Amino acid sequence: MKRNGSLITSHRMICSVLLFVLTLLTIQVQAQTGLGAKCTGKPDVAWSEQIVGCSRAIESGKYVGKDLAKAFDFRGNAYAQTGDIDRGLADIEQAIRLDPSDTFALGARGDLDLVRKDYERAIADYTTVISVDPNNAPSITGRAMAYFVTGDLDRAIADCDQAIRAQPTFAPALYWRGLAKRAKGDAVAGEADIAAAKKIDPEVDR
């Protein structure tokens, strides 16, 4: 794998970016109010409370199929947000078994794959999501990040371009495109993208 300052730094940044991407993915999911007020899948309820609330929904026996998968989605996201990656991944895997078409779960597993440095599976998961939803900016950017940290800068830039076309104000896509351009030696264009990303979200690099 190609290693330079930017690529090595990217490994240290993956965890913080993961939580931001997971939050964005969470916000995009429609609330499943039938799972209870403490299992919403959104940051309107403390993640620790969501773990308890979603556990109750899962253990109640009331939910099957896609509804049960959504409860595992939401609890897995809550675990990941609190730093428990292993439990988060286990729940996401269960959601995918219950509903293989669950693009949220596939995208979330891709995010967790990034943290675990399983870049090959991350790319595969993101690609599945993108094949269903070509405008899914978080998953496109996630795949770009996986390409970036494995040294495939051209594909990283191409994915960021696609994400920006889908969502022009998506700060992570601009930021990672900037990193990739800078790593390729185009410092001016890279810094311009990074500055544009920080203008949209001042904490995009934290």
N, C-alpha and C. Protein backbone atom coordinates (compact mmCIF):
# COMPACT_ATOMS: atom_id res chain seq x y z
N MET A 1 0.85 -1.20 0.00
CA MET A 1 0.00 0.00 0.00
C MET A 1 0.87 1.24 0.00
N LYS A 2 0.49 2.20 -0.81
CA LYS A 2 1.23 3.45 -0.85
C LYS A 2 1.14 4.15 0.50
N ARG A 3 2.27 4.62 0.97
CA ARG A 3 2.27 5.30 2.26
C ARG A 3 2.95 6.65 2.12
N ASN A 4 2.24 7.68 2.49
CA ASN A 4 2.83 9.00 2.62
C ASN A 4 2.15 9.65 3.80
N GLY A 5 2.49 10.90 4.09
CA GLY A 5 1.94 11.55 5.27
C GLY A 5 0.42 11.56 5.30
N SER A 6 -0.19 11.86 4.15
CA SER A 6 -1.65 11.97 4.12
C SER A 6 -2.30 10.63 4.36
N LEU A 7 -1.76 9.56 3.74
CA LEU A 7 -2.38 8.25 3.88
C LEU A 7 -2.24 7.72 5.29
N ILE A 8 -1.10 7.91 5.90
CA ILE A 8 -0.92 7.46 7.27
C ILE A 8 -1.84 8.22 8.20
N THR A 9 -1.95 9.53 8.00
CA THR A 9 -2.85 10.33 8.82
C THR A 9 -4.29 9.85 8.69
N SER A 10 -4.67 9.40 7.49
CA SER A 10 -6.06 8.99 7.26
C SER A 10 -6.47 7.87 8.19
N HIS A 11 -5.56 6.96 8.53
CA HIS A 11 -5.91 5.87 9.44
C HIS A 11 -6.33 6.41 10.80
N ARG A 12 -5.66 7.45 11.25
CA ARG A 12 -6.01 8.02 12.55
C ARG A 12 -7.34 8.76 12.49
N MET A 13 -7.72 9.20 11.29
CA MET A 13 -8.95 9.98 11.14
C MET A 13 -10.18 9.12 10.95
N ILE A 14 -10.00 7.84 10.57
CA ILE A 14 -11.14 7.00 10.21
C ILE A 14 -12.18 6.94 11.32
N CYS A 15 -11.75 6.76 12.57
CA CYS A 15 -12.71 6.57 13.66
C CYS A 15 -13.61 7.79 13.84
N SER A 16 -13.03 8.99 13.83
CA SER A 16 -13.85 10.18 14.03
C SER A 16 -14.78 10.40 12.84
N VAL A 17 -14.28 10.14 11.63
CA VAL A 17 -15.12 10.32 10.46
C VAL A 17 -16.23 9.28 10.45
N LEU A 18 -15.93 8.07 10.92
CA LEU A 18 -16.95 7.03 10.99
C LEU A 18 -18.18 7.49 11.75
N LEU A 19 -17.96 8.08 12.94
CA LEU A 19 -19.09 8.48 13.76
C LEU A 19 -19.91 9.55 13.05
N PHE A 20 -19.24 10.44 12.32
CA PHE A 20 -19.96 11.47 11.59
C PHE A 20 -20.78 10.84 10.47
N VAL A 21 -20.19 9.89 9.74
CA VAL A 21 -20.90 9.24 8.65
C VAL A 21 -22.07 8.43 9.18
N LEU A 22 -21.87 7.73 10.32
CA LEU A 22 -22.97 6.97 10.91
C LEU A 22 -24.12 7.88 11.30
N THR A 23 -23.79 9.05 11.82
CA THR A 23 -24.84 9.99 12.19
C THR A 23 -25.62 10.44 10.96
N LEU A 24 -24.90 10.72 9.88
CA LEU A 24 -25.57 11.13 8.65
C LEU A 24 -26.47 10.01 8.12
N LEU A 25 -25.97 8.79 8.18
CA LEU A 25 -26.78 7.66 7.74
C LEU A 25 -28.01 7.52 8.62
N THR A 26 -27.83 7.71 9.92
CA THR A 26 -28.93 7.60 10.85
C THR A 26 -30.00 8.64 10.57
N ILE A 27 -29.58 9.86 10.30
CA ILE A 27 -30.53 10.94 10.04
C ILE A 27 -31.37 10.64 8.81
N GLN A 28 -30.80 9.94 7.84
CA GLN A 28 -31.51 9.67 6.61
C GLN A 28 -32.58 8.59 6.77
N VAL A 29 -32.50 7.81 7.83
CA VAL A 29 -33.45 6.71 8.02
C VAL A 29 -34.75 7.25 8.57
N GLN A 30 -35.87 6.79 8.03
CA GLN A 30 -37.16 7.19 8.56
C GLN A 30 -37.35 6.60 9.95
N ALA A 31 -37.91 7.39 10.84
CA ALA A 31 -38.13 6.92 12.20
C ALA A 31 -39.11 5.75 12.19
N GLN A 32 -38.78 4.70 12.95
CA GLN A 32 -39.63 3.53 13.07
C GLN A 32 -40.31 3.64 14.44
N THR A 33 -41.34 4.51 14.50
CA THR A 33 -41.92 4.83 15.80
C THR A 33 -42.55 3.62 16.46
N GLY A 34 -42.94 2.61 15.68
CA GLY A 34 -43.54 1.42 16.26
C GLY A 34 -42.61 0.64 17.15
N LEU A 35 -41.32 0.93 17.10
CA LEU A 35 -40.35 0.22 17.94
C LEU A 35 -40.27 0.81 19.34
N GLY A 36 -40.94 1.91 19.56
CA GLY A 36 -40.92 2.52 20.89
C GLY A 36 -40.19 3.84 20.89
N ALA A 37 -40.50 4.66 21.87
CA ALA A 37 -39.94 6.01 21.94
C ALA A 37 -38.45 6.03 22.20
N LYS A 38 -37.89 4.92 22.70
CA LYS A 38 -36.47 4.87 23.02
C LYS A 38 -35.67 4.08 21.98
N CYS A 39 -36.30 3.77 20.84
CA CYS A 39 -35.59 3.07 19.76
C CYS A 39 -35.96 3.73 18.46
N THR A 40 -35.35 4.89 18.19
CA THR A 40 -35.73 5.71 17.03
C THR A 40 -34.71 5.66 15.90
N GLY A 41 -33.48 5.27 16.20
CA GLY A 41 -32.44 5.29 15.18
C GLY A 41 -31.89 6.66 14.88
N LYS A 42 -32.31 7.65 15.63
CA LYS A 42 -31.87 9.02 15.42
C LYS A 42 -31.27 9.58 16.72
N PRO A 43 -30.45 10.63 16.58
CA PRO A 43 -29.79 11.19 17.77
C PRO A 43 -30.70 12.02 18.66
N ASP A 44 -32.02 11.82 18.54
CA ASP A 44 -32.94 12.54 19.42
C ASP A 44 -33.07 11.88 20.78
N VAL A 45 -32.51 10.68 20.92
CA VAL A 45 -32.51 9.95 22.18
C VAL A 45 -31.08 9.51 22.44
N ALA A 46 -30.63 9.62 23.68
CA ALA A 46 -29.25 9.25 24.02
C ALA A 46 -28.97 7.83 23.55
N TRP A 47 -27.75 7.62 23.02
CA TRP A 47 -27.42 6.31 22.47
C TRP A 47 -27.53 5.21 23.52
N SER A 48 -27.13 5.50 24.75
CA SER A 48 -27.22 4.49 25.81
C SER A 48 -28.68 4.11 26.08
N GLU A 49 -29.57 5.09 25.99
CA GLU A 49 -30.99 4.80 26.18
C GLU A 49 -31.55 4.01 25.00
N GLN A 50 -31.03 4.29 23.81
CA GLN A 50 -31.49 3.55 22.64
C GLN A 50 -31.08 2.09 22.71
N ILE A 51 -29.91 1.82 23.25
CA ILE A 51 -29.50 0.43 23.40
C ILE A 51 -30.51 -0.32 24.26
N VAL A 52 -30.92 0.31 25.36
CA VAL A 52 -31.91 -0.32 26.25
C VAL A 52 -33.26 -0.43 25.55
N GLY A 53 -33.70 0.66 24.90
CA GLY A 53 -35.00 0.66 24.25
C GLY A 53 -35.08 -0.34 23.10
N CYS A 54 -34.04 -0.40 22.28
CA CYS A 54 -34.05 -1.33 21.16
C CYS A 54 -33.92 -2.78 21.65
N SER A 55 -33.18 -2.98 22.73
CA SER A 55 -33.09 -4.33 23.31
C SER A 55 -34.47 -4.80 23.75
N ARG A 56 -35.24 -3.91 24.34
CA ARG A 56 -36.59 -4.28 24.76
C ARG A 56 -37.45 -4.63 23.55
N ALA A 57 -37.31 -3.86 22.48
CA ALA A 57 -38.09 -4.15 21.27
C ALA A 57 -37.69 -5.51 20.69
N ILE A 58 -36.39 -5.78 20.65
CA ILE A 58 -35.90 -7.04 20.10
C ILE A 58 -36.38 -8.22 20.94
N GLU A 59 -36.33 -8.07 22.25
CA GLU A 59 -36.67 -9.18 23.15
C GLU A 59 -38.16 -9.34 23.38
N SER A 60 -38.95 -8.38 22.89
CA SER A 60 -40.40 -8.42 23.15
C SER A 60 -41.10 -9.53 22.37
N GLY A 61 -40.51 -9.94 21.26
CA GLY A 61 -41.16 -10.94 20.43
C GLY A 61 -42.24 -10.38 19.53
N LYS A 62 -42.43 -9.06 19.54
CA LYS A 62 -43.50 -8.44 18.75
C LYS A 62 -43.09 -8.24 17.28
N TYR A 63 -41.79 -8.22 17.01
CA TYR A 63 -41.34 -7.79 15.70
C TYR A 63 -40.66 -8.93 14.95
N VAL A 64 -40.90 -8.96 13.65
CA VAL A 64 -40.28 -9.97 12.78
C VAL A 64 -39.85 -9.29 11.49
N GLY A 65 -39.08 -10.02 10.69
CA GLY A 65 -38.70 -9.53 9.37
C GLY A 65 -38.03 -8.17 9.38
N LYS A 66 -38.51 -7.29 8.49
CA LYS A 66 -37.87 -5.99 8.33
C LYS A 66 -37.99 -5.12 9.58
N ASP A 67 -39.10 -5.26 10.31
CA ASP A 67 -39.24 -4.47 11.54
C ASP A 67 -38.20 -4.89 12.58
N LEU A 68 -37.98 -6.20 12.71
CA LEU A 68 -36.96 -6.67 13.64
C LEU A 68 -35.57 -6.27 13.17
N ALA A 69 -35.36 -6.34 11.85
CA ALA A 69 -34.06 -5.91 11.30
C ALA A 69 -33.79 -4.46 11.64
N LYS A 70 -34.84 -3.62 11.57
CA LYS A 70 -34.66 -2.21 11.87
C LYS A 70 -34.27 -2.00 13.34
N ALA A 71 -34.84 -2.79 14.23
CA ALA A 71 -34.46 -2.69 15.64
C ALA A 71 -32.99 -3.03 15.83
N PHE A 72 -32.50 -4.06 15.12
CA PHE A 72 -31.08 -4.40 15.18
C PHE A 72 -30.23 -3.29 14.54
N ASP A 73 -30.73 -2.71 13.43
CA ASP A 73 -30.04 -1.57 12.82
C ASP A 73 -29.79 -0.47 13.84
N PHE A 74 -30.89 -0.09 14.50
CA PHE A 74 -30.83 1.04 15.41
C PHE A 74 -29.96 0.75 16.63
N ARG A 75 -30.07 -0.48 17.16
CA ARG A 75 -29.23 -0.80 18.31
C ARG A 75 -27.77 -0.90 17.89
N GLY A 76 -27.52 -1.48 16.71
CA GLY A 76 -26.14 -1.57 16.23
C GLY A 76 -25.52 -0.20 16.04
N ASN A 77 -26.29 0.72 15.49
CA ASN A 77 -25.80 2.08 15.34
C ASN A 77 -25.50 2.71 16.71
N ALA A 78 -26.41 2.47 17.66
CA ALA A 78 -26.20 3.03 19.01
C ALA A 78 -24.94 2.46 19.65
N TYR A 79 -24.73 1.14 19.51
CA TYR A 79 -23.50 0.55 20.03
C TYR A 79 -22.26 1.20 19.39
N ALA A 80 -22.30 1.34 18.07
CA ALA A 80 -21.15 1.92 17.37
C ALA A 80 -20.89 3.35 17.82
N GLN A 81 -21.97 4.12 18.01
CA GLN A 81 -21.83 5.50 18.44
C GLN A 81 -21.20 5.60 19.83
N THR A 82 -21.40 4.57 20.67
CA THR A 82 -20.80 4.58 22.00
C THR A 82 -19.42 3.92 22.01
N GLY A 83 -18.94 3.50 20.83
CA GLY A 83 -17.60 2.95 20.73
C GLY A 83 -17.52 1.44 20.82
N ASP A 84 -18.66 0.77 20.97
CA ASP A 84 -18.66 -0.70 21.06
C ASP A 84 -18.82 -1.25 19.65
N ILE A 85 -17.72 -1.29 18.92
CA ILE A 85 -17.75 -1.67 17.51
C ILE A 85 -18.15 -3.13 17.33
N ASP A 86 -17.66 -4.01 18.19
CA ASP A 86 -17.96 -5.43 18.03
C ASP A 86 -19.45 -5.72 18.16
N ARG A 87 -20.08 -5.16 19.19
CA ARG A 87 -21.51 -5.38 19.36
C ARG A 87 -22.30 -4.68 18.25
N GLY A 88 -21.82 -3.52 17.85
CA GLY A 88 -22.47 -2.83 16.75
C GLY A 88 -22.45 -3.67 15.48
N LEU A 89 -21.30 -4.25 15.18
CA LEU A 89 -21.18 -5.07 13.99
C LEU A 89 -22.04 -6.32 14.09
N ALA A 90 -22.09 -6.93 15.26
CA ALA A 90 -22.92 -8.13 15.44
C ALA A 90 -24.39 -7.82 15.15
N ASP A 91 -24.87 -6.68 15.63
CA ASP A 91 -26.26 -6.30 15.38
C ASP A 91 -26.51 -6.00 13.91
N ILE A 92 -25.58 -5.32 13.29
CA ILE A 92 -25.73 -5.00 11.87
C ILE A 92 -25.74 -6.28 11.04
N GLU A 93 -24.88 -7.23 11.39
CA GLU A 93 -24.86 -8.52 10.69
C GLU A 93 -26.21 -9.21 10.83
N GLN A 94 -26.79 -9.15 12.03
CA GLN A 94 -28.10 -9.77 12.25
C GLN A 94 -29.18 -9.08 11.42
N ALA A 95 -29.11 -7.77 11.32
CA ALA A 95 -30.07 -7.03 10.50
C ALA A 95 -29.98 -7.46 9.04
N ILE A 96 -28.76 -7.66 8.55
CA ILE A 96 -28.58 -8.07 7.16
C ILE A 96 -29.11 -9.49 6.94
N ARG A 97 -28.92 -10.37 7.94
CA ARG A 97 -29.48 -11.72 7.81
C ARG A 97 -31.00 -11.68 7.74
N LEU A 98 -31.60 -10.80 8.54
CA LEU A 98 -33.06 -10.69 8.54
C LEU A 98 -33.60 -10.01 7.29
N ASP A 99 -32.83 -9.07 6.76
CA ASP A 99 -33.29 -8.31 5.60
C ASP A 99 -32.08 -8.00 4.70
N PRO A 100 -31.74 -8.92 3.79
CA PRO A 100 -30.56 -8.72 2.94
C PRO A 100 -30.63 -7.49 2.05
N SER A 101 -31.83 -6.92 1.88
CA SER A 101 -31.97 -5.72 1.06
C SER A 101 -31.83 -4.43 1.86
N ASP A 102 -31.48 -4.55 3.13
CA ASP A 102 -31.38 -3.39 4.02
C ASP A 102 -30.13 -2.58 3.69
N THR A 103 -30.28 -1.56 2.86
CA THR A 103 -29.12 -0.78 2.44
C THR A 103 -28.52 0.04 3.58
N PHE A 104 -29.36 0.43 4.55
CA PHE A 104 -28.79 1.13 5.71
C PHE A 104 -27.81 0.23 6.44
N ALA A 105 -28.21 -1.04 6.66
CA ALA A 105 -27.33 -1.97 7.37
C ALA A 105 -26.06 -2.23 6.58
N LEU A 106 -26.19 -2.39 5.27
CA LEU A 106 -25.00 -2.62 4.44
C LEU A 106 -24.05 -1.42 4.49
N GLY A 107 -24.62 -0.22 4.42
CA GLY A 107 -23.78 0.97 4.52
C GLY A 107 -23.13 1.10 5.88
N ALA A 108 -23.89 0.79 6.94
CA ALA A 108 -23.34 0.85 8.29
C ALA A 108 -22.24 -0.19 8.47
N ARG A 109 -22.43 -1.39 7.89
CA ARG A 109 -21.37 -2.40 7.99
C ARG A 109 -20.12 -1.93 7.26
N GLY A 110 -20.31 -1.24 6.14
CA GLY A 110 -19.16 -0.68 5.45
C GLY A 110 -18.41 0.30 6.33
N ASP A 111 -19.13 1.13 7.07
CA ASP A 111 -18.49 2.08 7.99
C ASP A 111 -17.69 1.34 9.06
N LEU A 112 -18.29 0.29 9.62
CA LEU A 112 -17.60 -0.47 10.66
C LEU A 112 -16.41 -1.23 10.07
N ASP A 113 -16.55 -1.69 8.84
CA ASP A 113 -15.42 -2.32 8.17
C ASP A 113 -14.24 -1.37 8.06
N LEU A 114 -14.52 -0.09 7.82
CA LEU A 114 -13.44 0.89 7.74
C LEU A 114 -12.67 0.97 9.04
N VAL A 115 -13.39 1.01 10.14
CA VAL A 115 -12.73 1.08 11.44
C VAL A 115 -11.90 -0.16 11.70
N ARG A 116 -12.41 -1.31 11.27
CA ARG A 116 -11.70 -2.57 11.47
C ARG A 116 -10.63 -2.80 10.41
N LYS A 117 -10.51 -1.87 9.47
CA LYS A 117 -9.52 -1.93 8.39
C LYS A 117 -9.74 -3.12 7.47
N ASP A 118 -10.99 -3.56 7.35
CA ASP A 118 -11.35 -4.58 6.37
C ASP A 118 -11.84 -3.86 5.12
N TYR A 119 -10.90 -3.28 4.40
CA TYR A 119 -11.23 -2.38 3.31
C TYR A 119 -11.89 -3.10 2.13
N GLU A 120 -11.49 -4.33 1.89
CA GLU A 120 -12.08 -5.08 0.78
C GLU A 120 -13.58 -5.28 0.99
N ARG A 121 -13.97 -5.67 2.20
CA ARG A 121 -15.39 -5.86 2.46
C ARG A 121 -16.12 -4.52 2.52
N ALA A 122 -15.46 -3.49 3.03
CA ALA A 122 -16.08 -2.17 3.04
C ALA A 122 -16.44 -1.74 1.62
N ILE A 123 -15.50 -1.91 0.70
CA ILE A 123 -15.76 -1.54 -0.69
C ILE A 123 -16.92 -2.36 -1.25
N ALA A 124 -16.94 -3.66 -0.93
CA ALA A 124 -18.02 -4.52 -1.43
C ALA A 124 -19.37 -4.07 -0.89
N ASP A 125 -19.44 -3.77 0.42
CA ASP A 125 -20.70 -3.33 1.01
C ASP A 125 -21.17 -2.01 0.42
N TYR A 126 -20.27 -1.07 0.32
CA TYR A 126 -20.64 0.23 -0.25
C TYR A 126 -21.09 0.08 -1.70
N THR A 127 -20.41 -0.77 -2.45
CA THR A 127 -20.76 -0.97 -3.85
C THR A 127 -22.17 -1.53 -3.98
N THR A 128 -22.54 -2.44 -3.08
CA THR A 128 -23.90 -2.98 -3.10
C THR A 128 -24.92 -1.87 -2.87
N VAL A 129 -24.65 -1.01 -1.89
CA VAL A 129 -25.56 0.10 -1.60
C VAL A 129 -25.67 1.03 -2.82
N ILE A 130 -24.53 1.35 -3.40
CA ILE A 130 -24.50 2.29 -4.52
C ILE A 130 -25.23 1.72 -5.74
N SER A 131 -25.16 0.39 -5.92
CA SER A 131 -25.85 -0.22 -7.05
C SER A 131 -27.36 -0.05 -6.93
N VAL A 132 -27.85 0.02 -5.69
CA VAL A 132 -29.28 0.22 -5.44
C VAL A 132 -29.63 1.70 -5.42
N ASP A 133 -28.74 2.49 -4.84
CA ASP A 133 -28.97 3.93 -4.68
C ASP A 133 -27.73 4.70 -5.14
N PRO A 134 -27.64 5.00 -6.43
CA PRO A 134 -26.44 5.65 -6.97
C PRO A 134 -26.18 7.05 -6.41
N ASN A 135 -27.16 7.62 -5.72
CA ASN A 135 -26.99 8.96 -5.16
C ASN A 135 -26.78 8.95 -3.65
N ASN A 136 -26.42 7.81 -3.10
CA ASN A 136 -26.20 7.70 -1.66
C ASN A 136 -24.83 8.27 -1.31
N ALA A 137 -24.79 9.57 -1.05
CA ALA A 137 -23.51 10.27 -0.84
C ALA A 137 -22.68 9.68 0.31
N PRO A 138 -23.27 9.32 1.46
CA PRO A 138 -22.44 8.75 2.52
C PRO A 138 -21.74 7.46 2.11
N SER A 139 -22.45 6.56 1.42
CA SER A 139 -21.83 5.30 1.02
C SER A 139 -20.80 5.50 -0.09
N ILE A 140 -21.08 6.42 -1.01
CA ILE A 140 -20.10 6.72 -2.06
C ILE A 140 -18.82 7.28 -1.43
N THR A 141 -19.00 8.17 -0.47
CA THR A 141 -17.84 8.76 0.21
C THR A 141 -17.12 7.72 1.05
N GLY A 142 -17.88 6.83 1.69
CA GLY A 142 -17.26 5.76 2.45
C GLY A 142 -16.37 4.90 1.56
N ARG A 143 -16.86 4.58 0.37
CA ARG A 143 -16.04 3.79 -0.55
C ARG A 143 -14.81 4.58 -0.98
N ALA A 144 -14.97 5.88 -1.18
CA ALA A 144 -13.83 6.73 -1.52
C ALA A 144 -12.77 6.68 -0.42
N MET A 145 -13.22 6.70 0.83
CA MET A 145 -12.28 6.62 1.95
C MET A 145 -11.53 5.30 1.93
N ALA A 146 -12.24 4.21 1.64
CA ALA A 146 -11.58 2.90 1.57
C ALA A 146 -10.55 2.87 0.44
N TYR A 147 -10.92 3.43 -0.70
CA TYR A 147 -9.95 3.50 -1.79
C TYR A 147 -8.75 4.36 -1.40
N PHE A 148 -9.03 5.47 -0.72
CA PHE A 148 -7.95 6.38 -0.33
C PHE A 148 -6.92 5.68 0.56
N VAL A 149 -7.39 5.03 1.60
CA VAL A 149 -6.45 4.46 2.55
C VAL A 149 -5.73 3.24 2.00
N THR A 150 -6.20 2.68 0.89
CA THR A 150 -5.46 1.60 0.23
C THR A 150 -4.61 2.11 -0.92
N GLY A 151 -4.60 3.44 -1.10
CA GLY A 151 -3.70 4.04 -2.07
C GLY A 151 -4.26 4.21 -3.46
N ASP A 152 -5.54 3.88 -3.66
CA ASP A 152 -6.15 4.02 -4.99
C ASP A 152 -6.77 5.42 -5.09
N LEU A 153 -5.91 6.40 -5.30
CA LEU A 153 -6.34 7.79 -5.24
C LEU A 153 -7.26 8.20 -6.38
N ASP A 154 -7.04 7.63 -7.55
CA ASP A 154 -7.89 7.99 -8.69
C ASP A 154 -9.34 7.55 -8.45
N ARG A 155 -9.53 6.35 -7.94
CA ARG A 155 -10.88 5.89 -7.65
C ARG A 155 -11.48 6.68 -6.49
N ALA A 156 -10.65 7.05 -5.53
CA ALA A 156 -11.14 7.86 -4.41
C ALA A 156 -11.69 9.19 -4.92
N ILE A 157 -10.95 9.83 -5.82
CA ILE A 157 -11.38 11.11 -6.37
C ILE A 157 -12.65 10.93 -7.21
N ALA A 158 -12.69 9.87 -8.01
CA ALA A 158 -13.87 9.62 -8.84
C ALA A 158 -15.12 9.43 -7.98
N ASP A 159 -14.98 8.70 -6.87
CA ASP A 159 -16.12 8.49 -5.99
C ASP A 159 -16.54 9.80 -5.32
N CYS A 160 -15.57 10.58 -4.88
CA CYS A 160 -15.91 11.87 -4.27
C CYS A 160 -16.63 12.77 -5.28
N ASP A 161 -16.16 12.73 -6.52
CA ASP A 161 -16.85 13.51 -7.56
C ASP A 161 -18.31 13.07 -7.67
N GLN A 162 -18.54 11.76 -7.66
CA GLN A 162 -19.90 11.23 -7.76
C GLN A 162 -20.74 11.66 -6.57
N ALA A 163 -20.17 11.59 -5.37
CA ALA A 163 -20.89 11.99 -4.16
C ALA A 163 -21.25 13.47 -4.20
N ILE A 164 -20.34 14.29 -4.70
CA ILE A 164 -20.58 15.74 -4.77
C ILE A 164 -21.64 16.06 -5.82
N ARG A 165 -21.64 15.31 -6.90
CA ARG A 165 -22.72 15.50 -7.89
C ARG A 165 -24.08 15.18 -7.27
N ALA A 166 -24.10 14.13 -6.46
CA ALA A 166 -25.35 13.72 -5.83
C ALA A 166 -25.77 14.70 -4.74
N GLN A 167 -24.78 15.22 -4.00
CA GLN A 167 -25.08 16.12 -2.88
C GLN A 167 -23.97 17.16 -2.80
N PRO A 168 -24.10 18.27 -3.50
CA PRO A 168 -23.01 19.24 -3.63
C PRO A 168 -22.47 19.79 -2.32
N THR A 169 -23.28 19.80 -1.27
CA THR A 169 -22.82 20.37 0.00
C THR A 169 -22.41 19.29 1.00
N PHE A 170 -22.11 18.09 0.51
CA PHE A 170 -21.72 17.00 1.42
C PHE A 170 -20.25 17.17 1.78
N ALA A 171 -20.01 17.72 2.97
CA ALA A 171 -18.66 18.12 3.37
C ALA A 171 -17.64 16.98 3.35
N PRO A 172 -17.97 15.76 3.85
CA PRO A 172 -16.96 14.69 3.83
C PRO A 172 -16.44 14.37 2.43
N ALA A 173 -17.32 14.43 1.41
CA ALA A 173 -16.86 14.14 0.05
C ALA A 173 -15.86 15.19 -0.42
N LEU A 174 -16.15 16.45 -0.14
CA LEU A 174 -15.22 17.52 -0.50
C LEU A 174 -13.90 17.36 0.25
N TYR A 175 -13.99 17.01 1.52
CA TYR A 175 -12.80 16.89 2.35
C TYR A 175 -11.89 15.76 1.86
N TRP A 176 -12.49 14.59 1.62
CA TRP A 176 -11.66 13.45 1.21
C TRP A 176 -11.16 13.62 -0.22
N ARG A 177 -11.91 14.32 -1.06
CA ARG A 177 -11.38 14.63 -2.39
C ARG A 177 -10.17 15.54 -2.26
N GLY A 178 -10.26 16.48 -1.34
CA GLY A 178 -9.12 17.36 -1.10
C GLY A 178 -7.89 16.60 -0.65
N LEU A 179 -8.09 15.65 0.28
CA LEU A 179 -6.96 14.85 0.75
C LEU A 179 -6.35 14.04 -0.40
N ALA A 180 -7.23 13.46 -1.23
CA ALA A 180 -6.74 12.64 -2.33
C ALA A 180 -5.98 13.48 -3.36
N LYS A 181 -6.51 14.66 -3.67
CA LYS A 181 -5.81 15.54 -4.62
C LYS A 181 -4.46 15.97 -4.06
N ARG A 182 -4.45 16.28 -2.78
CA ARG A 182 -3.19 16.70 -2.15
C ARG A 182 -2.18 15.56 -2.16
N ALA A 183 -2.68 14.32 -1.90
CA ALA A 183 -1.79 13.16 -1.90
C ALA A 183 -1.22 12.88 -3.30
N LYS A 184 -1.98 13.28 -4.33
CA LYS A 184 -1.49 13.09 -5.70
C LYS A 184 -0.54 14.21 -6.12
N GLY A 185 -0.38 15.21 -5.28
CA GLY A 185 0.56 16.28 -5.58
C GLY A 185 -0.08 17.57 -6.03
N ASP A 186 -1.41 17.61 -6.11
CA ASP A 186 -2.10 18.84 -6.50
C ASP A 186 -2.53 19.57 -5.23
N ALA A 187 -1.57 20.24 -4.63
CA ALA A 187 -1.81 20.86 -3.32
C ALA A 187 -2.83 21.99 -3.41
N VAL A 188 -2.81 22.76 -4.47
CA VAL A 188 -3.70 23.91 -4.58
C VAL A 188 -5.15 23.45 -4.64
N ALA A 189 -5.45 22.52 -5.54
CA ALA A 189 -6.82 22.01 -5.66
C ALA A 189 -7.24 21.27 -4.40
N GLY A 190 -6.29 20.55 -3.80
CA GLY A 190 -6.60 19.82 -2.58
C GLY A 190 -6.98 20.75 -1.45
N GLU A 191 -6.19 21.78 -1.25
CA GLU A 191 -6.48 22.72 -0.16
C GLU A 191 -7.79 23.48 -0.42
N ALA A 192 -8.09 23.73 -1.69
CA ALA A 192 -9.36 24.41 -2.01
C ALA A 192 -10.55 23.55 -1.61
N ASP A 193 -10.48 22.25 -1.89
CA ASP A 193 -11.56 21.34 -1.50
C ASP A 193 -11.68 21.25 0.02
N ILE A 194 -10.55 21.14 0.70
CA ILE A 194 -10.56 21.04 2.15
C ILE A 194 -11.16 22.31 2.77
N ALA A 195 -10.77 23.46 2.24
CA ALA A 195 -11.32 24.73 2.75
C ALA A 195 -12.82 24.81 2.51
N ALA A 196 -13.28 24.34 1.34
CA ALA A 196 -14.72 24.35 1.04
C ALA A 196 -15.47 23.42 1.99
N ALA A 197 -14.88 22.27 2.29
CA ALA A 197 -15.51 21.33 3.22
C ALA A 197 -15.63 21.93 4.61
N LYS A 198 -14.56 22.59 5.06
CA LYS A 198 -14.57 23.18 6.41
C LYS A 198 -15.52 24.37 6.50
N LYS A 199 -15.76 25.03 5.38
CA LYS A 199 -16.72 26.13 5.38
C LYS A 199 -18.13 25.59 5.62
N ILE A 200 -18.41 24.41 5.05
CA ILE A 200 -19.71 23.77 5.25
C ILE A 200 -19.81 23.18 6.64
N ASP A 201 -18.75 22.49 7.06
CA ASP A 201 -18.72 21.83 8.38
C ASP A 201 -17.34 22.04 8.99
N PRO A 202 -17.18 23.00 9.88
CA PRO A 202 -15.88 23.30 10.47
C PRO A 202 -15.25 22.12 11.20
N GLU A 203 -16.03 21.12 11.57
CA GLU A 203 -15.50 19.97 12.32
C GLU A 203 -15.36 18.72 11.45
N VAL A 204 -15.36 18.87 10.13
CA VAL A 204 -15.32 17.72 9.25
C VAL A 204 -14.04 16.91 9.42
N ASP A 205 -12.97 17.53 9.88
CA ASP A 205 -11.69 16.82 10.03
C ASP A 205 -11.44 16.38 11.46
N ARG A 206 -12.46 16.39 12.32
CA ARG A 206 -12.24 16.05 13.73
C ARG A 206 -12.95 14.76 14.09
